[in-house]
Amino acid sequence: MDKNNLYDALEELILERINTHHLDEPEAVEQAYARLTEITDKLRGTFTERQQLIFTECEDAYCVYEGETINFYYRAGFSDAIRFLFGWTDSTQWRDGKWN
């Protein structure tokens, strides 16, 4: 398989898995998000117009940060799973078909 095709397939798989898990979040995650939204809306009501613009910039920056964090940790977990299945590259972990 072509390296670019493999990369594209991996990108598609990771995006699909993130989207799938996002649609089936545990209740604790849903409750935490609902609480954050409630508090954010309350805080937003206290801002001047200028403060509202700055707060919106903060929200946007946080959304990018959160997305990148999810993407990073999902990729790290996926990478670890692949390394586990095919053998660790570190010689102290896995060599010649057996754990050391």
Protein backbone atom coordinates (compact mmCIF):
# COMPACT_ATOMS: atom_id res chain seq x y z
CA MET A 1 0.00 0.00 0.00
CA ASP A 2 1.23 3.47 -0.90
CA LYS A 3 2.41 5.48 2.13
CA ASN A 4 0.08 8.40 1.26
CA ASN A 5 -2.89 6.04 0.90
CA LEU A 6 -2.10 4.52 4.29
CA TYR A 7 -1.81 7.98 5.83
CA ASP A 8 -5.12 9.06 4.28
CA ALA A 9 -6.82 5.85 5.45
CA LEU A 10 -5.49 6.41 8.98
CA GLU A 11 -6.70 10.01 8.97
CA GLU A 12 -10.16 8.87 7.91
CA LEU A 13 -10.25 6.11 10.54
CA ILE A 14 -9.18 8.42 13.36
CA LEU A 15 -11.69 11.10 12.39
CA GLU A 16 -14.47 8.51 12.16
CA ARG A 17 -13.61 7.07 15.59
CA ILE A 18 -13.46 10.50 17.25
CA ASN A 19 -16.83 11.40 15.75
CA THR A 20 -18.34 8.07 16.80
CA HIS A 21 -17.19 8.42 20.40
CA HIS A 22 -18.28 12.04 20.52
CA LEU A 23 -21.85 10.96 19.72
CA ASP A 24 -21.84 8.36 22.51
CA GLU A 25 -20.34 10.25 25.43
CA PRO A 26 -20.81 8.98 28.97
CA GLU A 27 -23.38 10.76 31.13
CA ALA A 28 -20.63 12.31 33.26
CA VAL A 29 -19.19 14.06 30.19
CA GLU A 30 -22.63 15.30 29.14
CA GLN A 31 -23.31 16.62 32.65
CA ALA A 32 -19.94 18.37 32.83
CA TYR A 33 -20.57 20.02 29.45
CA ALA A 34 -24.07 21.10 30.50
CA ARG A 35 -22.65 22.66 33.67
CA LEU A 36 -19.92 24.45 31.72
CA THR A 37 -22.52 25.81 29.29
CA GLU A 38 -24.72 26.98 32.16
CA ILE A 39 -21.90 28.84 33.88
CA THR A 40 -20.57 30.25 30.61
CA ASP A 41 -23.98 31.66 29.72
CA LYS A 42 -24.31 33.21 33.18
CA LEU A 43 -20.85 34.79 32.89
CA ARG A 44 -21.50 36.03 29.36
CA GLY A 45 -24.50 38.01 30.65
CA THR A 46 -22.20 40.15 32.80
CA PHE A 47 -19.87 41.31 30.02
CA THR A 48 -19.61 44.62 28.24
CA GLU A 49 -19.53 44.46 24.45
CA ARG A 50 -15.70 44.62 24.43
CA GLN A 51 -15.42 41.90 27.07
CA GLN A 52 -17.83 39.74 25.06
CA LEU A 53 -15.50 39.94 22.03
CA ILE A 54 -12.51 38.90 24.14
CA PHE A 55 -14.49 36.08 25.76
CA THR A 56 -15.55 34.80 22.33
CA GLU A 57 -11.89 34.76 21.29
CA CYS A 58 -11.11 32.73 24.43
CA GLU A 59 -13.90 30.28 23.66
CA ASP A 60 -12.65 29.86 20.11
CA ALA A 61 -9.08 29.30 21.29
CA TYR A 62 -10.25 26.75 23.86
CA CYS A 63 -12.26 24.85 21.24
CA VAL A 64 -9.17 24.55 19.04
CA TYR A 65 -7.10 23.48 22.06
CA GLU A 66 -9.66 20.87 23.10
CA GLY A 67 -9.91 19.47 19.57
CA GLU A 68 -6.14 19.23 19.22
CA THR A 69 -5.86 17.57 22.65
CA ILE A 70 -8.47 14.95 21.77
CA ASN A 71 -6.77 14.36 18.43
CA PHE A 72 -3.34 14.01 20.07
CA TYR A 73 -4.41 11.55 22.75
CA TYR A 74 -6.53 9.51 20.37
CA ARG A 75 -3.56 9.20 18.01
CA ALA A 76 -1.26 8.30 20.90
CA GLY A 77 -3.65 5.56 22.03
CA PHE A 78 -4.04 4.26 18.50
CA SER A 79 -0.27 4.30 18.04
CA ASP A 80 0.24 2.39 21.30
CA ALA A 81 -2.33 -0.20 20.25
CA ILE A 82 -0.56 -0.75 16.92
CA ARG A 83 2.81 -1.00 18.64
CA PHE A 84 1.35 -3.50 21.11
CA LEU A 85 -0.16 -5.64 18.36
CA PHE A 86 2.94 -5.67 16.16
CA GLY A 87 5.60 -5.61 18.85
CA TRP A 88 7.28 -2.80 20.68
CA THR A 89 10.20 -1.21 18.88
CA ASP A 90 11.97 -0.81 22.19
CA SER A 91 14.04 -3.97 22.66
CA THR A 92 13.32 -4.06 26.40
CA GLN A 93 9.60 -4.54 25.75
CA TRP A 94 9.16 -7.08 22.95
CA ARG A 95 11.59 -9.13 20.93
CA ASP A 96 11.54 -12.40 19.04
CA GLY A 97 7.89 -13.09 19.77
CA LYS A 98 8.03 -12.87 23.56
CA TRP A 99 7.88 -10.24 26.24
CA ASN A 100 11.16 -9.53 27.96
